[in-house]
Amino acid sequence: MELLFIGIDPETGQNGSPTAWVDKETRDIVLQSYTADEATRQQAIENTAPGHAKGIPAHETVIRFPAHLIPLLREACDAADRL
């Protein structure tokens, strides 16, 4: 697996930052961001698609990616399409 670095949040300094990469083989988008707080996690559980099992499996999590980084996500999607 080789990750293509897309970008990092310039507003967070040197102490860990929301970051986006694209897996060059699978074209998956890989994100590092803030762990969602319990209220956000609960809302995600409550607003699950109809007919879908509720809950967050142990091997998954909910993250919060800042809205001002939506352009970074778009860039990651575009990069995945180009691979």
Protein backbone atom coordinates (compact mmCIF):
# COMPACT_ATOMS: atom_id res chain seq x y z
CA MET A 1 0.00 0.00 0.00
CA GLU A 2 1.26 3.46 -0.89
CA LEU A 3 -0.57 6.59 0.19
CA LEU A 4 -0.65 9.74 -1.90
CA PHE A 5 -0.55 12.77 0.42
CA ILE A 6 -3.28 15.25 -0.50
CA GLY A 7 -3.16 17.87 2.22
CA ILE A 8 -3.19 18.84 5.86
CA ASP A 9 -5.17 21.45 7.79
CA PRO A 10 -2.92 24.53 7.85
CA GLU A 11 -4.81 25.95 10.85
CA THR A 12 -3.80 23.27 13.36
CA GLY A 13 -0.07 23.84 13.72
CA GLN A 14 2.30 20.97 14.47
CA ASN A 15 0.22 18.92 16.92
CA GLY A 16 -1.72 16.52 14.69
CA SER A 17 -4.01 17.78 12.04
CA PRO A 18 -6.90 16.69 9.86
CA THR A 19 -5.13 15.15 6.88
CA ALA A 20 -6.21 13.43 3.67
CA TRP A 21 -4.46 10.78 1.58
CA VAL A 22 -5.51 8.49 -1.27
CA ASP A 23 -4.46 4.83 -1.40
CA LYS A 24 -2.77 4.53 -4.80
CA GLU A 25 -3.80 0.90 -5.24
CA THR A 26 -7.42 0.88 -4.04
CA ARG A 27 -8.19 4.60 -4.54
CA ASP A 28 -9.66 4.64 -1.02
CA ILE A 29 -9.64 8.04 0.69
CA VAL A 30 -7.83 7.86 4.02
CA LEU A 31 -8.53 10.55 6.61
CA GLN A 32 -7.04 11.57 9.91
CA SER A 33 -9.27 13.88 11.90
CA TYR A 34 -10.91 14.51 15.23
CA THR A 35 -12.69 11.68 17.02
CA ALA A 36 -16.35 12.65 17.14
CA ASP A 37 -17.78 13.50 20.53
CA GLU A 38 -20.42 11.29 22.08
CA ALA A 39 -23.31 13.55 20.96
CA THR A 40 -22.16 13.32 17.34
CA ARG A 41 -21.71 9.54 17.60
CA GLN A 42 -25.22 9.21 19.03
CA GLN A 43 -26.69 11.33 16.23
CA ALA A 44 -24.89 9.16 13.66
CA ILE A 45 -26.44 6.06 15.25
CA GLU A 46 -29.92 7.60 15.43
CA ASN A 47 -29.81 8.84 11.84
CA THR A 48 -28.78 5.58 10.19
CA ALA A 49 -30.34 4.69 6.84
CA PRO A 50 -33.70 2.92 7.13
CA GLY A 51 -33.28 -0.83 7.30
CA HIS A 52 -29.59 -0.58 8.18
CA ALA A 53 -28.34 -1.99 11.46
CA LYS A 54 -27.94 0.71 14.10
CA GLY A 55 -24.72 1.13 15.97
CA ILE A 56 -21.06 1.60 15.18
CA PRO A 57 -19.13 -1.66 14.83
CA ALA A 58 -16.01 -2.04 16.94
CA HIS A 59 -13.81 -1.90 13.81
CA GLU A 60 -15.28 1.46 12.69
CA THR A 61 -15.42 4.96 14.15
CA VAL A 62 -17.01 8.34 13.51
CA ILE A 63 -14.70 11.24 12.75
CA ARG A 64 -15.39 14.93 12.33
CA PHE A 65 -13.59 16.55 9.39
CA PRO A 66 -13.78 20.37 9.56
CA ALA A 67 -16.05 22.04 6.99
CA HIS A 68 -13.30 24.45 5.92
CA LEU A 69 -11.44 21.41 4.59
CA ILE A 70 -14.16 20.33 2.14
CA PRO A 71 -11.93 21.52 -0.73
CA LEU A 72 -9.29 19.09 0.53
CA LEU A 73 -11.81 16.24 0.37
CA ARG A 74 -12.77 17.28 -3.16
CA GLU A 75 -9.11 17.24 -4.12
CA ALA A 76 -8.78 13.74 -2.63
CA CYS A 77 -11.82 12.57 -4.61
CA ASP A 78 -10.39 14.05 -7.81
CA ALA A 79 -7.02 12.42 -7.14
CA ALA A 80 -8.70 9.04 -6.57
CA ASP A 81 -10.53 9.41 -9.90
CA ARG A 82 -7.25 10.15 -11.71
CA LEU A 83 -5.43 7.09 -10.34
